[in-house]
Amino acid sequence: MDASKIKLYLKLMRLHRPIGILLLLWPTLWALWLSSQGHPDTRVLIIFVLGVVIMRSAGCVINDYLDRDIDPYVKRTLDRPLATGAVSPNEALILFAILIGMAVILVAFLDWKTIALAAVGLVLAVIYPRMKRLIYLPQGFLGLAFGWGIPMAYMAQTGTVPRLAWLLYVATIFWVIAYDSIYAIPDKEDDVRIGIKSSVILFDDLDTTIIMALQLAFLATMVMLGKQLEMGLYYYMGLVLSALLFAYQHYLIRDRSAENCQKAFVNNHWVGTIIFVGIYLQSMIGQA
């Protein structure tokens, strides 16, 4: 296999754009730290980090495979390897199978309950790309898939999925719908033209207002979680700083330009980072 083909496969997996990996990783790390009181099992941590990279890559491959007939008609996606024909559908399916095989090997080192949850996560990842053809809130289904590492992390660490884990899961769903709606704003005209459904089409002129409401719902749910966990200053400082980042994102998307929406979308990486730092520091204080 020549280097140019490998580059195409890496592009198909979107490894040149790690923002998706980071946005998938942060909620998983939140859950690992919260479920372990700041001391996640090293083996579990390694498995989950590698699993995030592999499953995000697999998700991109199957998404592009299922969207290969519509991506050539969307400005943002027309240069993807499957859309251009640089990678064949069969090659994409083989690559997807290899990635899933790698994920299966990883999860086999965990207990059977976590393996069962991983199987549910795989189903969510495979079904998600079809949702944009069926419902006007596919971002909600993406939230279900992107947050699924939370119950998995709790199960792997504690052997159970408590109510607090589901509260964190709900918060993450609000966050994912918000940032993926920002990501979808520039595609609105293309999506309407080719008949693809999206939250920003559903929200129409209220798109930025509803995105703000979703971000507030995320913060409110995280406050509820913090109160139940008896979190302290560092945790809440993380939420305050996240609120400021959300305000900055709304400043960026006020004109709905593709460039500024992309900046606002990527800025969510810092939201995830800051909240994790707050959780990490809080766990350190709790051990002092």
C-alpha atoms as a PDB file:
ATOM      1  CA  MET A   1       0.000   0.000   0.000  1.00  0.00           C
ATOM      2  CA  ASP A   2       1.514   3.341  -1.024  1.00  0.00           C
ATOM      3  CA  ALA A   3       1.765   6.421   1.163  1.00  0.00           C
ATOM      4  CA  SER A   4      -0.870   8.335  -0.794  1.00  0.00           C
ATOM      5  CA  LYS A   5      -3.469   5.647  -0.102  1.00  0.00           C
ATOM      6  CA  ILE A   6      -2.634   5.622   3.590  1.00  0.00           C
ATOM      7  CA  LYS A   7      -3.101   9.403   3.665  1.00  0.00           C
ATOM      8  CA  LEU A   8      -6.533   8.971   2.103  1.00  0.00           C
ATOM      9  CA  TYR A   9      -7.522   6.417   4.753  1.00  0.00           C
ATOM     10  CA  LEU A  10      -6.300   8.741   7.506  1.00  0.00           C
ATOM     11  CA  LYS A  11      -8.320  11.546   5.930  1.00  0.00           C
ATOM     12  CA  LEU A  12     -11.373   9.283   5.788  1.00  0.00           C
ATOM     13  CA  MET A  13     -10.921   8.655   9.527  1.00  0.00           C
ATOM     14  CA  ARG A  14     -10.533  12.453  10.000  1.00  0.00           C
ATOM     15  CA  LEU A  15      -7.350  12.031  11.998  1.00  0.00           C
ATOM     16  CA  HIS A  16      -6.186  15.294  10.437  1.00  0.00           C
ATOM     17  CA  ARG A  17      -9.049  16.961  12.344  1.00  0.00           C
ATOM     18  CA  PRO A  18      -8.755  15.775  15.953  1.00  0.00           C
ATOM     19  CA  ILE A  19     -11.467  18.101  17.274  1.00  0.00           C
ATOM     20  CA  GLY A  20     -14.004  15.264  17.061  1.00  0.00           C
ATOM     21  CA  ILE A  21     -11.751  13.017  19.130  1.00  0.00           C
ATOM     22  CA  LEU A  22     -11.372  15.711  21.777  1.00  0.00           C
ATOM     23  CA  LEU A  23     -15.113  16.432  21.973  1.00  0.00           C
ATOM     24  CA  LEU A  24     -15.773  12.719  22.390  1.00  0.00           C
ATOM     25  CA  LEU A  25     -12.944  12.324  24.889  1.00  0.00           C
ATOM     26  CA  TRP A  26     -13.777  15.069  27.404  1.00  0.00           C
ATOM     27  CA  PRO A  27     -17.117  13.682  28.696  1.00  0.00           C
ATOM     28  CA  THR A  28     -15.487  10.262  28.990  1.00  0.00           C
ATOM     29  CA  LEU A  29     -12.674  11.729  31.083  1.00  0.00           C
ATOM     30  CA  TRP A  30     -15.188  13.654  33.227  1.00  0.00           C
ATOM     31  CA  ALA A  31     -16.933  10.361  33.952  1.00  0.00           C
ATOM     32  CA  LEU A  32     -13.721   8.430  34.637  1.00  0.00           C
ATOM     33  CA  TRP A  33     -12.535  11.024  37.157  1.00  0.00           C
ATOM     34  CA  LEU A  34     -15.901  11.494  38.840  1.00  0.00           C
ATOM     35  CA  SER A  35     -16.591   7.772  39.118  1.00  0.00           C
ATOM     36  CA  SER A  36     -13.163   7.063  40.606  1.00  0.00           C
ATOM     37  CA  GLN A  37     -12.876  10.104  42.912  1.00  0.00           C
ATOM     38  CA  GLY A  38      -9.875  11.245  40.897  1.00  0.00           C
ATOM     39  CA  HIS A  39      -8.115   7.884  40.703  1.00  0.00           C
ATOM     40  CA  PRO A  40      -9.169   6.112  37.484  1.00  0.00           C
ATOM     41  CA  ASP A  41      -7.736   2.651  36.962  1.00  0.00           C
ATOM     42  CA  THR A  42      -4.744   3.047  34.618  1.00  0.00           C
ATOM     43  CA  ARG A  43      -5.746   0.078  32.457  1.00  0.00           C
ATOM     44  CA  VAL A  44      -9.307   1.365  32.125  1.00  0.00           C
ATOM     45  CA  LEU A  45      -8.061   4.873  31.308  1.00  0.00           C
ATOM     46  CA  ILE A  46      -5.798   3.602  28.516  1.00  0.00           C
ATOM     47  CA  ILE A  47      -8.542   1.418  27.062  1.00  0.00           C
ATOM     48  CA  PHE A  48     -11.034   4.291  27.023  1.00  0.00           C
ATOM     49  CA  VAL A  49      -8.642   6.832  25.499  1.00  0.00           C
ATOM     50  CA  LEU A  50      -7.635   4.421  22.734  1.00  0.00           C
ATOM     51  CA  GLY A  51     -11.271   3.418  22.326  1.00  0.00           C
ATOM     52  CA  VAL A  52     -12.323   7.029  21.816  1.00  0.00           C
ATOM     53  CA  VAL A  53      -9.769   7.469  19.019  1.00  0.00           C
ATOM     54  CA  ILE A  54     -10.737   4.204  17.327  1.00  0.00           C
ATOM     55  CA  MET A  55     -14.510   4.631  17.609  1.00  0.00           C
ATOM     56  CA  ARG A  56     -14.474   8.233  16.464  1.00  0.00           C
ATOM     57  CA  SER A  57     -12.432   7.116  13.438  1.00  0.00           C
ATOM     58  CA  ALA A  58     -14.843   4.244  12.774  1.00  0.00           C
ATOM     59  CA  GLY A  59     -17.799   6.607  13.147  1.00  0.00           C
ATOM     60  CA  CYS A  60     -16.352   8.951  10.532  1.00  0.00           C
ATOM     61  CA  VAL A  61     -15.783   6.073   8.110  1.00  0.00           C
ATOM     62  CA  ILE A  62     -19.301   4.644   8.395  1.00  0.00           C
ATOM     63  CA  ASN A  63     -20.792   8.152   8.302  1.00  0.00           C
ATOM     64  CA  ASP A  64     -19.015   8.935   5.026  1.00  0.00           C
ATOM     65  CA  TYR A  65     -19.922   5.521   3.610  1.00  0.00           C
ATOM     66  CA  LEU A  66     -23.617   6.095   4.275  1.00  0.00           C
ATOM     67  CA  ASP A  67     -23.404   9.717   3.080  1.00  0.00           C
ATOM     68  CA  ARG A  68     -21.354   8.985  -0.051  1.00  0.00           C
ATOM     69  CA  ASP A  69     -24.272   9.890  -2.315  1.00  0.00           C
ATOM     70  CA  ILE A  70     -24.982  13.256  -0.688  1.00  0.00           C
ATOM     71  CA  ASP A  71     -21.540  14.512   0.371  1.00  0.00           C
ATOM     72  CA  PRO A  72     -20.625  15.591  -3.203  1.00  0.00           C
ATOM     73  CA  TYR A  73     -23.504  18.095  -3.068  1.00  0.00           C
ATOM     74  CA  VAL A  74     -22.539  19.770   0.227  1.00  0.00           C
ATOM     75  CA  LYS A  75     -19.809  22.384   0.046  1.00  0.00           C
ATOM     76  CA  ARG A  76     -18.175  21.350   3.329  1.00  0.00           C
ATOM     77  CA  THR A  77     -18.004  17.643   2.434  1.00  0.00           C
ATOM     78  CA  LEU A  78     -17.488  17.497  -1.315  1.00  0.00           C
ATOM     79  CA  ASP A  79     -13.742  16.811  -1.027  1.00  0.00           C
ATOM     80  CA  ARG A  80     -14.041  13.809   1.302  1.00  0.00           C
ATOM     81  CA  PRO A  81     -12.321  10.671  -0.065  1.00  0.00           C
ATOM     82  CA  LEU A  82     -15.542   8.724  -0.676  1.00  0.00           C
ATOM     83  CA  ALA A  83     -17.283  11.739  -2.186  1.00  0.00           C
ATOM     84  CA  THR A  84     -14.449  12.233  -4.702  1.00  0.00           C
ATOM     85  CA  GLY A  85     -14.080   8.528  -5.458  1.00  0.00           C
ATOM     86  CA  ALA A  86     -10.489   8.441  -4.191  1.00  0.00           C
ATOM     87  CA  VAL A  87     -11.537   5.667  -1.781  1.00  0.00           C
ATOM     88  CA  SER A  88     -14.053   3.036  -2.871  1.00  0.00           C
ATOM     89  CA  PRO A  89     -17.085   2.011  -0.781  1.00  0.00           C
ATOM     90  CA  ASN A  90     -15.626  -1.499  -0.348  1.00  0.00           C
ATOM     91  CA  GLU A  91     -12.343  -0.066   0.921  1.00  0.00           C
ATOM     92  CA  ALA A  92     -14.270   2.051   3.422  1.00  0.00           C
ATOM     93  CA  LEU A  93     -16.197  -0.981   4.702  1.00  0.00           C
ATOM     94  CA  ILE A  94     -12.978  -2.965   5.098  1.00  0.00           C
ATOM     95  CA  LEU A  95     -11.395  -0.080   7.024  1.00  0.00           C
ATOM     96  CA  PHE A  96     -14.515   0.177   9.214  1.00  0.00           C
ATOM     97  CA  ALA A  97     -14.362  -3.560   9.941  1.00  0.00           C
ATOM     98  CA  ILE A  98     -10.680  -3.314  10.904  1.00  0.00           C
ATOM     99  CA  LEU A  99     -11.392  -0.425  13.290  1.00  0.00           C
ATOM    100  CA  ILE A 100     -14.320  -2.243  14.880  1.00  0.00           C
ATOM    101  CA  GLY A 101     -12.120  -5.306  15.271  1.00  0.00           C
ATOM    102  CA  MET A 102      -9.566  -3.178  17.101  1.00  0.00           C
ATOM    103  CA  ALA A 103     -12.292  -1.776  19.351  1.00  0.00           C
ATOM    104  CA  VAL A 104     -13.559  -5.288  20.133  1.00  0.00           C
ATOM    105  CA  ILE A 105     -10.066  -6.361  21.161  1.00  0.00           C
ATOM    106  CA  LEU A 106      -9.811  -3.372  23.490  1.00  0.00           C
ATOM    107  CA  VAL A 107     -13.188  -3.803  25.145  1.00  0.00           C
ATOM    108  CA  ALA A 108     -12.546  -7.524  25.630  1.00  0.00           C
ATOM    109  CA  PHE A 109     -10.228  -6.546  28.498  1.00  0.00           C
ATOM    110  CA  LEU A 110     -13.219  -5.126  30.416  1.00  0.00           C
ATOM    111  CA  ASP A 111     -16.042  -6.847  32.285  1.00  0.00           C
ATOM    112  CA  TRP A 112     -19.059  -8.279  30.469  1.00  0.00           C
ATOM    113  CA  LYS A 113     -21.423  -5.494  31.597  1.00  0.00           C
ATOM    114  CA  THR A 114     -19.156  -2.840  30.059  1.00  0.00           C
ATOM    115  CA  ILE A 115     -18.864  -4.985  26.924  1.00  0.00           C
ATOM    116  CA  ALA A 116     -22.675  -5.043  26.698  1.00  0.00           C
ATOM    117  CA  LEU A 117     -22.790  -1.251  26.978  1.00  0.00           C
ATOM    118  CA  ALA A 118     -20.070  -1.028  24.313  1.00  0.00           C
ATOM    119  CA  ALA A 119     -22.302  -3.041  21.966  1.00  0.00           C
ATOM    120  CA  VAL A 120     -25.065  -0.478  22.491  1.00  0.00           C
ATOM    121  CA  GLY A 121     -22.550   2.284  21.729  1.00  0.00           C
ATOM    122  CA  LEU A 122     -21.625   0.582  18.461  1.00  0.00           C
ATOM    123  CA  VAL A 123     -25.290   0.437  17.437  1.00  0.00           C
ATOM    124  CA  LEU A 124     -25.695   4.151  18.207  1.00  0.00           C
ATOM    125  CA  ALA A 125     -22.611   4.996  16.121  1.00  0.00           C
ATOM    126  CA  VAL A 126     -23.858   2.997  13.142  1.00  0.00           C
ATOM    127  CA  ILE A 127     -27.445   4.278  13.288  1.00  0.00           C
ATOM    128  CA  TYR A 128     -26.590   7.977  13.738  1.00  0.00           C
ATOM    129  CA  PRO A 129     -25.732   8.766  10.079  1.00  0.00           C
ATOM    130  CA  ARG A 130     -29.202   7.623   8.997  1.00  0.00           C
ATOM    131  CA  MET A 131     -30.944   9.924  11.470  1.00  0.00           C
ATOM    132  CA  LYS A 132     -30.361  13.014   9.314  1.00  0.00           C
ATOM    133  CA  ARG A 133     -32.707  11.417   6.771  1.00  0.00           C
ATOM    134  CA  LEU A 134     -35.372  10.543   9.333  1.00  0.00           C
ATOM    135  CA  ILE A 135     -35.645  13.198  12.054  1.00  0.00           C
ATOM    136  CA  TYR A 136     -35.103  16.954  12.329  1.00  0.00           C
ATOM    137  CA  LEU A 137     -32.940  16.546  15.412  1.00  0.00           C
ATOM    138  CA  PRO A 138     -30.131  14.168  14.365  1.00  0.00           C
ATOM    139  CA  GLN A 139     -27.875  16.172  16.685  1.00  0.00           C
ATOM    140  CA  GLY A 140     -29.838  14.701  19.576  1.00  0.00           C
ATOM    141  CA  PHE A 141     -28.983  11.206  18.405  1.00  0.00           C
ATOM    142  CA  LEU A 142     -25.355  12.271  18.048  1.00  0.00           C
ATOM    143  CA  GLY A 143     -25.535  13.366  21.685  1.00  0.00           C
ATOM    144  CA  LEU A 144     -26.731   9.881  22.650  1.00  0.00           C
ATOM    145  CA  ALA A 145     -23.738   8.374  20.829  1.00  0.00           C
ATOM    146  CA  PHE A 146     -21.097  10.904  21.936  1.00  0.00           C
ATOM    147  CA  GLY A 147     -22.135  10.687  25.574  1.00  0.00           C
ATOM    148  CA  TRP A 148     -22.310   6.912  25.725  1.00  0.00           C
ATOM    149  CA  GLY A 149     -18.759   6.719  27.094  1.00  0.00           C
ATOM    150  CA  ILE A 150     -20.184   8.084  30.368  1.00  0.00           C
ATOM    151  CA  PRO A 151     -22.247   5.049  31.439  1.00  0.00           C
ATOM    152  CA  MET A 152     -19.485   2.822  30.066  1.00  0.00           C
ATOM    153  CA  ALA A 153     -16.877   4.612  32.188  1.00  0.00           C
ATOM    154  CA  TYR A 154     -18.969   4.318  35.342  1.00  0.00           C
ATOM    155  CA  MET A 155     -19.630   0.651  34.682  1.00  0.00           C
ATOM    156  CA  ALA A 156     -15.950  -0.077  34.047  1.00  0.00           C
ATOM    157  CA  GLN A 157     -14.877   1.784  37.194  1.00  0.00           C
ATOM    158  CA  THR A 158     -17.605   0.916  39.675  1.00  0.00           C
ATOM    159  CA  GLY A 159     -19.568  -2.004  38.246  1.00  0.00           C
ATOM    160  CA  THR A 160     -22.749   0.068  38.156  1.00  0.00           C
ATOM    161  CA  VAL A 161     -24.274   3.115  36.453  1.00  0.00           C
ATOM    162  CA  PRO A 162     -25.715   5.383  39.166  1.00  0.00           C
ATOM    163  CA  ARG A 163     -28.267   8.138  38.697  1.00  0.00           C
ATOM    164  CA  LEU A 164     -25.467  10.733  38.749  1.00  0.00           C
ATOM    165  CA  ALA A 165     -23.962   9.132  35.659  1.00  0.00           C
ATOM    166  CA  TRP A 166     -27.234   9.566  33.780  1.00  0.00           C
ATOM    167  CA  LEU A 167     -27.416  13.192  34.918  1.00  0.00           C
ATOM    168  CA  LEU A 168     -23.957  13.772  33.422  1.00  0.00           C
ATOM    169  CA  TYR A 169     -25.130  11.940  30.300  1.00  0.00           C
ATOM    170  CA  VAL A 170     -28.138  14.260  29.919  1.00  0.00           C
ATOM    171  CA  ALA A 171     -25.900  17.320  30.379  1.00  0.00           C
ATOM    172  CA  THR A 172     -23.587  16.034  27.662  1.00  0.00           C
ATOM    173  CA  ILE A 173     -26.498  15.515  25.272  1.00  0.00           C
ATOM    174  CA  PHE A 174     -27.500  19.190  25.720  1.00  0.00           C
ATOM    175  CA  TRP A 175     -23.896  20.227  25.028  1.00  0.00           C
ATOM    176  CA  VAL A 176     -23.551  18.044  21.914  1.00  0.00           C
ATOM    177  CA  ILE A 177     -26.822  19.267  20.396  1.00  0.00           C
ATOM    178  CA  ALA A 178     -25.671  22.846  20.964  1.00  0.00           C
ATOM    179  CA  TYR A 179     -22.200  22.572  19.442  1.00  0.00           C
ATOM    180  CA  ASP A 180     -23.232  20.320  16.564  1.00  0.00           C
ATOM    181  CA  SER A 181     -26.032  22.758  15.733  1.00  0.00           C
ATOM    182  CA  ILE A 182     -23.397  25.494  15.529  1.00  0.00           C
ATOM    183  CA  TYR A 183     -21.435  23.200  13.206  1.00  0.00           C
ATOM    184  CA  ALA A 184     -24.539  22.671  11.048  1.00  0.00           C
ATOM    185  CA  ILE A 185     -25.461  26.330  10.553  1.00  0.00           C
ATOM    186  CA  PRO A 186     -23.320  26.845   7.405  1.00  0.00           C
ATOM    187  CA  ASP A 187     -24.787  23.668   5.843  1.00  0.00           C
ATOM    188  CA  LYS A 188     -28.389  24.805   6.207  1.00  0.00           C
ATOM    189  CA  GLU A 189     -28.977  25.847   2.582  1.00  0.00           C
ATOM    190  CA  ASP A 190     -27.297  22.719   1.195  1.00  0.00           C
ATOM    191  CA  ASP A 191     -29.257  20.504   3.589  1.00  0.00           C
ATOM    192  CA  VAL A 192     -32.585  22.069   2.573  1.00  0.00           C
ATOM    193  CA  ARG A 193     -31.701  21.735  -1.115  1.00  0.00           C
ATOM    194  CA  ILE A 194     -30.864  18.028  -0.952  1.00  0.00           C
ATOM    195  CA  GLY A 195     -33.514  17.104   1.620  1.00  0.00           C
ATOM    196  CA  ILE A 196     -31.308  16.424   4.654  1.00  0.00           C
ATOM    197  CA  LYS A 197     -32.806  17.102   8.075  1.00  0.00           C
ATOM    198  CA  SER A 198     -31.015  19.154  10.733  1.00  0.00           C
ATOM    199  CA  SER A 199     -31.642  20.914  14.021  1.00  0.00           C
ATOM    200  CA  VAL A 200     -30.934  24.331  12.503  1.00  0.00           C
ATOM    201  CA  ILE A 201     -33.653  23.719   9.913  1.00  0.00           C
ATOM    202  CA  LEU A 202     -36.010  22.777  12.747  1.00  0.00           C
ATOM    203  CA  PHE A 203     -34.964  25.794  14.830  1.00  0.00           C
ATOM    204  CA  ASP A 204     -35.136  28.133  11.796  1.00  0.00           C
ATOM    205  CA  ASP A 205     -34.636  31.796  12.780  1.00  0.00           C
ATOM    206  CA  LEU A 206     -34.468  30.840  16.458  1.00  0.00           C
ATOM    207  CA  ASP A 207     -31.357  28.722  15.896  1.00  0.00           C
ATOM    208  CA  THR A 208     -28.926  30.837  17.927  1.00  0.00           C
ATOM    209  CA  THR A 209     -31.514  31.436  20.677  1.00  0.00           C
ATOM    210  CA  ILE A 210     -32.209  27.715  21.065  1.00  0.00           C
ATOM    211  CA  ILE A 211     -28.487  26.940  20.994  1.00  0.00           C
ATOM    212  CA  MET A 212     -28.065  29.376  23.893  1.00  0.00           C
ATOM    213  CA  ALA A 213     -30.939  27.685  25.746  1.00  0.00           C
ATOM    214  CA  LEU A 214     -29.277  24.300  25.268  1.00  0.00           C
ATOM    215  CA  GLN A 215     -25.987  25.634  26.607  1.00  0.00           C
ATOM    216  CA  LEU A 216     -27.795  27.060  29.644  1.00  0.00           C
ATOM    217  CA  ALA A 217     -29.503  23.694  30.144  1.00  0.00           C
ATOM    218  CA  PHE A 218     -26.078  22.037  30.043  1.00  0.00           C
ATOM    219  CA  LEU A 219     -24.697  24.414  32.660  1.00  0.00           C
ATOM    220  CA  ALA A 220     -27.785  24.073  34.868  1.00  0.00           C
ATOM    221  CA  THR A 221     -27.562  20.281  34.757  1.00  0.00           C
ATOM    222  CA  MET A 222     -23.843  20.428  35.573  1.00  0.00           C
ATOM    223  CA  VAL A 223     -24.675  22.652  38.571  1.00  0.00           C
ATOM    224  CA  MET A 224     -27.233  20.061  39.732  1.00  0.00           C
ATOM    225  CA  LEU A 225     -24.579  17.379  39.372  1.00  0.00           C
ATOM    226  CA  GLY A 226     -22.056  19.475  41.299  1.00  0.00           C
ATOM    227  CA  LYS A 227     -24.489  20.007  44.172  1.00  0.00           C
ATOM    228  CA  GLN A 228     -25.247  16.306  44.455  1.00  0.00           C
ATOM    229  CA  LEU A 229     -21.531  15.477  44.409  1.00  0.00           C
ATOM    230  CA  GLU A 230     -20.797  18.310  46.844  1.00  0.00           C
ATOM    231  CA  MET A 231     -18.247  19.816  44.488  1.00  0.00           C
ATOM    232  CA  GLY A 232     -16.398  22.993  45.421  1.00  0.00           C
ATOM    233  CA  LEU A 233     -14.828  26.159  44.050  1.00  0.00           C
ATOM    234  CA  TYR A 234     -12.703  24.700  41.259  1.00  0.00           C
ATOM    235  CA  TYR A 235     -15.601  22.800  39.744  1.00  0.00           C
ATOM    236  CA  TYR A 236     -17.868  25.843  39.715  1.00  0.00           C
ATOM    237  CA  MET A 237     -15.093  28.078  38.398  1.00  0.00           C
ATOM    238  CA  GLY A 238     -14.922  25.686  35.466  1.00  0.00           C
ATOM    239  CA  LEU A 239     -18.625  26.167  34.836  1.00  0.00           C
ATOM    240  CA  VAL A 240     -18.339  29.965  35.068  1.00  0.00           C
ATOM    241  CA  LEU A 241     -15.472  30.004  32.585  1.00  0.00           C
ATOM    242  CA  SER A 242     -17.491  27.694  30.319  1.00  0.00           C
ATOM    243  CA  ALA A 243     -20.369  30.180  30.438  1.00  0.00           C
ATOM    244  CA  LEU A 244     -17.973  32.900  29.297  1.00  0.00           C
ATOM    245  CA  LEU A 245     -16.808  30.684  26.433  1.00  0.00           C
ATOM    246  CA  PHE A 246     -20.423  30.116  25.421  1.00  0.00           C
ATOM    247  CA  ALA A 247     -20.938  33.888  25.378  1.00  0.00           C
ATOM    248  CA  TYR A 248     -17.889  34.204  23.119  1.00  0.00           C
ATOM    249  CA  GLN A 249     -19.312  31.533  20.824  1.00  0.00           C
ATOM    250  CA  HIS A 250     -22.537  33.503  20.471  1.00  0.00           C
ATOM    251  CA  TYR A 251     -20.541  36.585  19.594  1.00  0.00           C
ATOM    252  CA  LEU A 252     -18.860  34.564  16.842  1.00  0.00           C
ATOM    253  CA  ILE A 253     -22.013  33.037  15.343  1.00  0.00           C
ATOM    254  CA  ARG A 254     -24.048  36.229  15.346  1.00  0.00           C
ATOM    255  CA  ASP A 255     -23.443  36.597  11.576  1.00  0.00           C
ATOM    256  CA  ARG A 256     -23.797  32.824  10.926  1.00  0.00           C
ATOM    257  CA  SER A 257     -20.718  32.863   8.688  1.00  0.00           C
ATOM    258  CA  ALA A 258     -19.064  29.508   7.983  1.00  0.00           C
ATOM    259  CA  GLU A 259     -15.686  30.671   9.274  1.00  0.00           C
ATOM    260  CA  ASN A 260     -17.002  31.991  12.574  1.00  0.00           C
ATOM    261  CA  CYS A 261     -19.301  29.017  13.129  1.00  0.00           C
ATOM    262  CA  GLN A 262     -16.297  26.729  12.698  1.00  0.00           C
ATOM    263  CA  LYS A 263     -14.342  28.797  15.240  1.00  0.00           C
ATOM    264  CA  ALA A 264     -17.232  28.624  17.694  1.00  0.00           C
ATOM    265  CA  PHE A 265     -17.592  24.879  17.185  1.00  0.00           C
ATOM    266  CA  VAL A 266     -13.886  24.232  17.798  1.00  0.00           C
ATOM    267  CA  ASN A 267     -14.007  26.502  20.867  1.00  0.00           C
ATOM    268  CA  ASN A 268     -16.060  23.812  22.596  1.00  0.00           C
ATOM    269  CA  HIS A 269     -12.836  21.862  23.044  1.00  0.00           C
ATOM    270  CA  TRP A 270     -11.886  24.490  25.639  1.00  0.00           C
ATOM    271  CA  VAL A 271     -15.226  24.055  27.369  1.00  0.00           C
ATOM    272  CA  GLY A 272     -14.477  20.360  27.771  1.00  0.00           C
ATOM    273  CA  THR A 273     -10.907  21.100  28.859  1.00  0.00           C
ATOM    274  CA  ILE A 274     -11.860  23.647  31.493  1.00  0.00           C
ATOM    275  CA  ILE A 275     -14.560  21.470  33.015  1.00  0.00           C
ATOM    276  CA  PHE A 276     -12.128  18.578  33.199  1.00  0.00           C
ATOM    277  CA  VAL A 277      -9.501  20.774  34.869  1.00  0.00           C
ATOM    278  CA  GLY A 278     -12.130  21.855  37.420  1.00  0.00           C
ATOM    279  CA  ILE A 279     -13.040  18.234  38.145  1.00  0.00           C
ATOM    280  CA  TYR A 280      -9.373  17.228  38.345  1.00  0.00           C
ATOM    281  CA  LEU A 281      -8.422  20.059  40.708  1.00  0.00           C
ATOM    282  CA  GLN A 282     -11.469  19.404  42.848  1.00  0.00           C
ATOM    283  CA  SER A 283     -10.491  15.765  43.183  1.00  0.00           C
ATOM    284  CA  MET A 284      -6.982  16.815  44.216  1.00  0.00           C
ATOM    285  CA  ILE A 285      -8.361  19.155  46.881  1.00  0.00           C
ATOM    286  CA  GLY A 286     -10.630  16.393  48.146  1.00  0.00           C
ATOM    287  CA  GLN A 287      -7.603  14.175  48.686  1.00  0.00           C
ATOM    288  CA  ALA A 288      -5.614  16.802  50.557  1.00  0.00           C
END
